């Protein structure tokens, strides 16, 4: 084996085979899990597109480990399993970077909310129905008119000037 952790580039082919470019051999998910347990850094890419598949492959490994469950606990010692599983989980946590993932999800959700709001506004305009913005504007105008009406003690605003104009015109 090697003295220190190595970086393994693993290419995934269209036929679902995984090829470790460092050792020039095909590997299985169990082989990749073993590399991770030994402390090696891995990166899995699609051979054709170059897309990074590391997170997907690590998720598959974690699911496989979970499916094996208690049987493995009995076969291997609980401590050994815990240590090996912990190394794998630590690597997955380092690789998946949950903080960045959460912020990316929130950013995309905000973009989606904006797109939906804009689509609804466009549809309402096409149907000639008032939007939330239109109704808010109307409510603000009603509030201003109500306040002005209260200030004039129930008289219609500007009514005194109209009466005087009418009287002057009648003379």
C-alpha atoms as a PDB file:
ATOM      1  CA  UNK A   1       0.000   0.000   0.000  1.00  0.00           C
ATOM      2  CA  UNK A   2       0.976   3.640  -0.089  1.00  0.00           C
ATOM      3  CA  UNK A   3       2.479   5.670   2.702  1.00  0.00           C
ATOM      4  CA  UNK A   4      -0.036   8.526   2.503  1.00  0.00           C
ATOM      5  CA  UNK A   5      -3.440   9.282   1.067  1.00  0.00           C
ATOM      6  CA  UNK A   6      -3.562   9.531  -2.695  1.00  0.00           C
ATOM      7  CA  UNK A   7      -5.960  11.274  -5.028  1.00  0.00           C
ATOM      8  CA  UNK A   8      -7.807   8.811  -7.237  1.00  0.00           C
ATOM      9  CA  UNK A   9      -9.532   9.950 -10.408  1.00  0.00           C
ATOM     10  CA  UNK A  10     -12.225   7.476 -11.288  1.00  0.00           C
ATOM     11  CA  UNK A  11     -13.969   7.589 -14.633  1.00  0.00           C
ATOM     12  CA  UNK A  12     -17.467   6.252 -15.048  1.00  0.00           C
ATOM     13  CA  UNK A  13     -18.178   4.777 -18.455  1.00  0.00           C
ATOM     14  CA  UNK A  14     -21.520   4.599 -20.259  1.00  0.00           C
ATOM     15  CA  UNK A  15     -21.721   0.887 -19.410  1.00  0.00           C
ATOM     16  CA  UNK A  16     -21.611   1.890 -15.691  1.00  0.00           C
ATOM     17  CA  UNK A  17     -18.094   0.523 -15.149  1.00  0.00           C
ATOM     18  CA  UNK A  18     -15.808   2.553 -12.908  1.00  0.00           C
ATOM     19  CA  UNK A  19     -12.145   2.884 -13.884  1.00  0.00           C
ATOM     20  CA  UNK A  20      -9.453   4.055 -11.435  1.00  0.00           C
ATOM     21  CA  UNK A  21      -6.890   5.978 -13.496  1.00  0.00           C
ATOM     22  CA  UNK A  22      -4.271   5.815 -10.692  1.00  0.00           C
ATOM     23  CA  UNK A  23      -4.176   2.014 -10.555  1.00  0.00           C
ATOM     24  CA  UNK A  24      -5.329   1.455 -14.163  1.00  0.00           C
ATOM     25  CA  UNK A  25      -8.009  -1.006 -13.024  1.00  0.00           C
ATOM     26  CA  UNK A  26     -11.751  -1.248 -12.927  1.00  0.00           C
ATOM     27  CA  UNK A  27     -13.183  -0.777  -9.424  1.00  0.00           C
ATOM     28  CA  UNK A  28     -16.501  -1.489  -7.769  1.00  0.00           C
ATOM     29  CA  UNK A  29     -18.462   0.666  -5.344  1.00  0.00           C
ATOM     30  CA  UNK A  30     -17.001  -1.491  -2.559  1.00  0.00           C
ATOM     31  CA  UNK A  31     -13.525  -0.748  -3.894  1.00  0.00           C
ATOM     32  CA  UNK A  32     -14.209   2.980  -3.837  1.00  0.00           C
ATOM     33  CA  UNK A  33     -15.618   2.662  -0.310  1.00  0.00           C
ATOM     34  CA  UNK A  34     -12.420   0.891   0.734  1.00  0.00           C
ATOM     35  CA  UNK A  35     -10.302   3.700  -0.758  1.00  0.00           C
ATOM     36  CA  UNK A  36     -12.313   6.242   1.202  1.00  0.00           C
ATOM     37  CA  UNK A  37     -11.968   4.216   4.412  1.00  0.00           C
ATOM     38  CA  UNK A  38      -8.200   4.153   3.880  1.00  0.00           C
ATOM     39  CA  UNK A  39      -8.219   7.947   3.703  1.00  0.00           C
ATOM     40  CA  UNK A  40      -7.713   8.429  -0.027  1.00  0.00           C
ATOM     41  CA  UNK A  41      -9.357  11.334  -1.817  1.00  0.00           C
ATOM     42  CA  UNK A  42     -11.464  10.329  -4.766  1.00  0.00           C
ATOM     43  CA  UNK A  43     -13.092  12.150  -7.614  1.00  0.00           C
ATOM     44  CA  UNK A  44     -15.519  10.432  -9.944  1.00  0.00           C
ATOM     45  CA  UNK A  45     -16.234  11.943 -13.350  1.00  0.00           C
ATOM     46  CA  UNK A  46     -18.328  10.913 -16.326  1.00  0.00           C
ATOM     47  CA  UNK A  47     -15.873   9.834 -19.012  1.00  0.00           C
ATOM     48  CA  UNK A  48     -17.874  11.328 -21.875  1.00  0.00           C
ATOM     49  CA  UNK A  49     -19.130  14.626 -20.437  1.00  0.00           C
ATOM     50  CA  UNK A  50     -16.579  15.244 -17.673  1.00  0.00           C
ATOM     51  CA  UNK A  51     -19.378  15.963 -15.160  1.00  0.00           C
ATOM     52  CA  UNK A  52     -18.404  15.451 -11.532  1.00  0.00           C
ATOM     53  CA  UNK A  53     -20.278  12.399 -10.201  1.00  0.00           C
ATOM     54  CA  UNK A  54     -18.469  12.110  -6.861  1.00  0.00           C
ATOM     55  CA  UNK A  55     -21.503  13.043  -4.784  1.00  0.00           C
ATOM     56  CA  UNK A  56     -23.748  10.603  -6.644  1.00  0.00           C
ATOM     57  CA  UNK A  57     -21.309   7.702  -6.261  1.00  0.00           C
ATOM     58  CA  UNK A  58     -20.697   8.441  -2.584  1.00  0.00           C
ATOM     59  CA  UNK A  59     -24.453   8.548  -2.024  1.00  0.00           C
ATOM     60  CA  UNK A  60     -24.766   5.137  -3.678  1.00  0.00           C
ATOM     61  CA  UNK A  61     -22.029   3.797  -1.402  1.00  0.00           C
ATOM     62  CA  UNK A  62     -23.717   5.169   1.708  1.00  0.00           C
ATOM     63  CA  UNK A  63     -27.048   3.630   0.642  1.00  0.00           C
ATOM     64  CA  UNK A  64     -25.369   0.287  -0.003  1.00  0.00           C
ATOM     65  CA  UNK A  65     -23.716   0.392   3.415  1.00  0.00           C
ATOM     66  CA  UNK A  66     -27.049   1.246   5.039  1.00  0.00           C
ATOM     67  CA  UNK A  67     -28.793  -1.653   3.282  1.00  0.00           C
ATOM     68  CA  UNK A  68     -26.248  -4.099   4.663  1.00  0.00           C
ATOM     69  CA  UNK A  69     -27.155  -2.854   8.123  1.00  0.00           C
ATOM     70  CA  UNK A  70     -27.006  -5.090  11.212  1.00  0.00           C
ATOM     71  CA  UNK A  71     -25.640  -8.172   9.409  1.00  0.00           C
ATOM     72  CA  UNK A  72     -22.360  -6.414   8.893  1.00  0.00           C
ATOM     73  CA  UNK A  73     -22.360  -5.297  12.512  1.00  0.00           C
ATOM     74  CA  UNK A  74     -22.409  -8.925  13.631  1.00  0.00           C
ATOM     75  CA  UNK A  75     -19.836 -10.141  11.086  1.00  0.00           C
ATOM     76  CA  UNK A  76     -17.257  -7.445  11.776  1.00  0.00           C
ATOM     77  CA  UNK A  77     -16.701  -5.952  15.188  1.00  0.00           C
ATOM     78  CA  UNK A  78     -18.842  -2.962  16.132  1.00  0.00           C
ATOM     79  CA  UNK A  79     -15.749  -0.824  16.715  1.00  0.00           C
ATOM     80  CA  UNK A  80     -14.184  -1.693  13.374  1.00  0.00           C
ATOM     81  CA  UNK A  81     -17.433  -0.991  11.580  1.00  0.00           C
ATOM     82  CA  UNK A  82     -17.884   2.277  13.386  1.00  0.00           C
ATOM     83  CA  UNK A  83     -14.358   3.418  12.535  1.00  0.00           C
ATOM     84  CA  UNK A  84     -14.674   2.436   8.868  1.00  0.00           C
ATOM     85  CA  UNK A  85     -18.152   3.917   8.589  1.00  0.00           C
ATOM     86  CA  UNK A  86     -17.069   7.101  10.322  1.00  0.00           C
ATOM     87  CA  UNK A  87     -14.210   7.589   7.866  1.00  0.00           C
ATOM     88  CA  UNK A  88     -16.646   7.195   4.986  1.00  0.00           C
ATOM     89  CA  UNK A  89     -19.175   9.596   6.537  1.00  0.00           C
ATOM     90  CA  UNK A  90     -16.469  12.168   7.280  1.00  0.00           C
ATOM     91  CA  UNK A  91     -15.358  12.041   3.657  1.00  0.00           C
ATOM     92  CA  UNK A  92     -18.933  12.368   2.398  1.00  0.00           C
ATOM     93  CA  UNK A  93     -19.519  15.355   4.672  1.00  0.00           C
ATOM     94  CA  UNK A  94     -16.320  17.029   3.464  1.00  0.00           C
ATOM     95  CA  UNK A  95     -17.185  16.381  -0.166  1.00  0.00           C
ATOM     96  CA  UNK A  96     -20.869  17.279  -0.143  1.00  0.00           C
ATOM     97  CA  UNK A  97     -20.346  20.606   1.708  1.00  0.00           C
ATOM     98  CA  UNK A  98     -23.904  20.924   3.084  1.00  0.00           C
ATOM     99  CA  UNK A  99     -23.658  24.671   3.738  1.00  0.00           C
ATOM    100  CA  UNK A 100     -23.036  25.410   0.070  1.00  0.00           C
ATOM    101  CA  UNK A 101     -25.752  22.982  -0.927  1.00  0.00           C
ATOM    102  CA  UNK A 102     -28.296  24.672   1.356  1.00  0.00           C
ATOM    103  CA  UNK A 103     -27.393  28.154   0.108  1.00  0.00           C
ATOM    104  CA  UNK A 104     -27.659  26.993  -3.512  1.00  0.00           C
ATOM    105  CA  UNK A 105     -31.100  25.474  -2.851  1.00  0.00           C
ATOM    106  CA  UNK A 106     -32.271  28.694  -1.161  1.00  0.00           C
ATOM    107  CA  UNK A 107     -30.954  30.808  -4.047  1.00  0.00           C
ATOM    108  CA  UNK A 108     -32.728  28.644  -6.623  1.00  0.00           C
ATOM    109  CA  UNK A 109     -35.920  28.670  -4.563  1.00  0.00           C
ATOM    110  CA  UNK A 110     -35.843  32.469  -4.489  1.00  0.00           C
ATOM    111  CA  UNK A 111     -35.351  32.542  -8.255  1.00  0.00           C
ATOM    112  CA  UNK A 112     -38.280  30.161  -8.696  1.00  0.00           C
ATOM    113  CA  UNK A 113     -40.528  32.276  -6.453  1.00  0.00           C
ATOM    114  CA  UNK A 114     -39.677  35.361  -8.504  1.00  0.00           C
ATOM    115  CA  UNK A 115     -40.347  33.561 -11.788  1.00  0.00           C
ATOM    116  CA  UNK A 116     -43.727  32.294 -10.555  1.00  0.00           C
ATOM    117  CA  UNK A 117     -44.745  35.756  -9.293  1.00  0.00           C
ATOM    118  CA  UNK A 118     -43.805  37.326 -12.629  1.00  0.00           C
ATOM    119  CA  UNK A 119     -45.718  34.655 -14.579  1.00  0.00           C
ATOM    120  CA  UNK A 120     -48.822  35.221 -12.455  1.00  0.00           C
ATOM    121  CA  UNK A 121     -48.570  38.998 -12.927  1.00  0.00           C
ATOM    122  CA  UNK A 122     -48.300  38.565 -16.732  1.00  0.00           C
ATOM    123  CA  UNK A 123     -51.284  36.215 -16.809  1.00  0.00           C
ATOM    124  CA  UNK A 124     -53.415  38.572 -14.730  1.00  0.00           C
ATOM    125  CA  UNK A 125     -52.517  41.472 -17.049  1.00  0.00           C
ATOM    126  CA  UNK A 126     -53.456  39.397 -20.104  1.00  0.00           C
ATOM    127  CA  UNK A 127     -56.802  38.512 -18.506  1.00  0.00           C
ATOM    128  CA  UNK A 128     -57.216  42.147 -17.477  1.00  0.00           C
ATOM    129  CA  UNK A 129     -57.630  41.171 -13.832  1.00  0.00           C
ATOM    130  CA  UNK A 130     -56.125  43.264 -11.049  1.00  0.00           C
ATOM    131  CA  UNK A 131     -52.919  41.935  -9.575  1.00  0.00           C
ATOM    132  CA  UNK A 132     -51.857  42.068  -5.933  1.00  0.00           C
ATOM    133  CA  UNK A 133     -49.851  45.181  -6.763  1.00  0.00           C
ATOM    134  CA  UNK A 134     -52.915  46.839  -8.367  1.00  0.00           C
ATOM    135  CA  UNK A 135     -55.100  46.012  -5.369  1.00  0.00           C
ATOM    136  CA  UNK A 136     -52.441  47.340  -2.975  1.00  0.00           C
ATOM    137  CA  UNK A 137     -52.313  50.595  -4.979  1.00  0.00           C
ATOM    138  CA  UNK A 138     -56.115  50.904  -4.861  1.00  0.00           C
ATOM    139  CA  UNK A 139     -56.135  50.230  -1.096  1.00  0.00           C
ATOM    140  CA  UNK A 140     -53.468  52.891  -0.550  1.00  0.00           C
ATOM    141  CA  UNK A 141     -55.521  55.381  -2.575  1.00  0.00           C
ATOM    142  CA  UNK A 142     -58.671  54.503  -0.579  1.00  0.00           C
ATOM    143  CA  UNK A 143     -56.749  55.011   2.674  1.00  0.00           C
ATOM    144  CA  UNK A 144     -55.566  58.452   1.528  1.00  0.00           C
ATOM    145  CA  UNK A 145     -59.072  59.444   0.433  1.00  0.00           C
ATOM    146  CA  UNK A 146     -60.565  58.233   3.740  1.00  0.00           C
ATOM    147  CA  UNK A 147     -58.006  60.226   5.707  1.00  0.00           C
ATOM    148  CA  UNK A 148     -58.702  63.328   3.625  1.00  0.00           C
ATOM    149  CA  UNK A 149     -62.445  62.845   4.139  1.00  0.00           C
ATOM    150  CA  UNK A 150     -61.981  62.585   7.925  1.00  0.00           C
ATOM    151  CA  UNK A 151     -59.883  65.772   7.941  1.00  0.00           C
ATOM    152  CA  UNK A 152     -62.649  67.667   6.201  1.00  0.00           C
ATOM    153  CA  UNK A 153     -65.173  66.511   8.866  1.00  0.00           C
ATOM    154  CA  UNK A 154     -67.371  64.518   6.565  1.00  0.00           C
ATOM    155  CA  UNK A 155     -67.611  67.189   3.876  1.00  0.00           C
ATOM    156  CA  UNK A 156     -66.473  66.274   0.446  1.00  0.00           C
ATOM    157  CA  UNK A 157     -62.982  67.687  -0.101  1.00  0.00           C
ATOM    158  CA  UNK A 158     -63.086  70.956  -2.030  1.00  0.00           C
ATOM    159  CA  UNK A 159     -66.883  71.211  -1.755  1.00  0.00           C
ATOM    160  CA  UNK A 160     -66.797  74.726  -0.231  1.00  0.00           C
ATOM    161  CA  UNK A 161     -64.902  76.120  -3.184  1.00  0.00           C
ATOM    162  CA  UNK A 162     -67.310  74.534  -5.657  1.00  0.00           C
ATOM    163  CA  UNK A 163     -70.355  76.086  -3.970  1.00  0.00           C
ATOM    164  CA  UNK A 164     -68.824  79.511  -4.037  1.00  0.00           C
ATOM    165  CA  UNK A 165     -67.972  79.112  -7.682  1.00  0.00           C
ATOM    166  CA  UNK A 166     -71.531  78.008  -8.438  1.00  0.00           C
ATOM    167  CA  UNK A 167     -72.984  81.036  -6.634  1.00  0.00           C
ATOM    168  CA  UNK A 168     -70.670  83.380  -8.447  1.00  0.00           C
ATOM    169  CA  UNK A 169     -71.633  81.877 -11.772  1.00  0.00           C
ATOM    170  CA  UNK A 170     -75.369  82.264 -10.992  1.00  0.00           C
ATOM    171  CA  UNK A 171     -75.096  86.028 -10.356  1.00  0.00           C
END
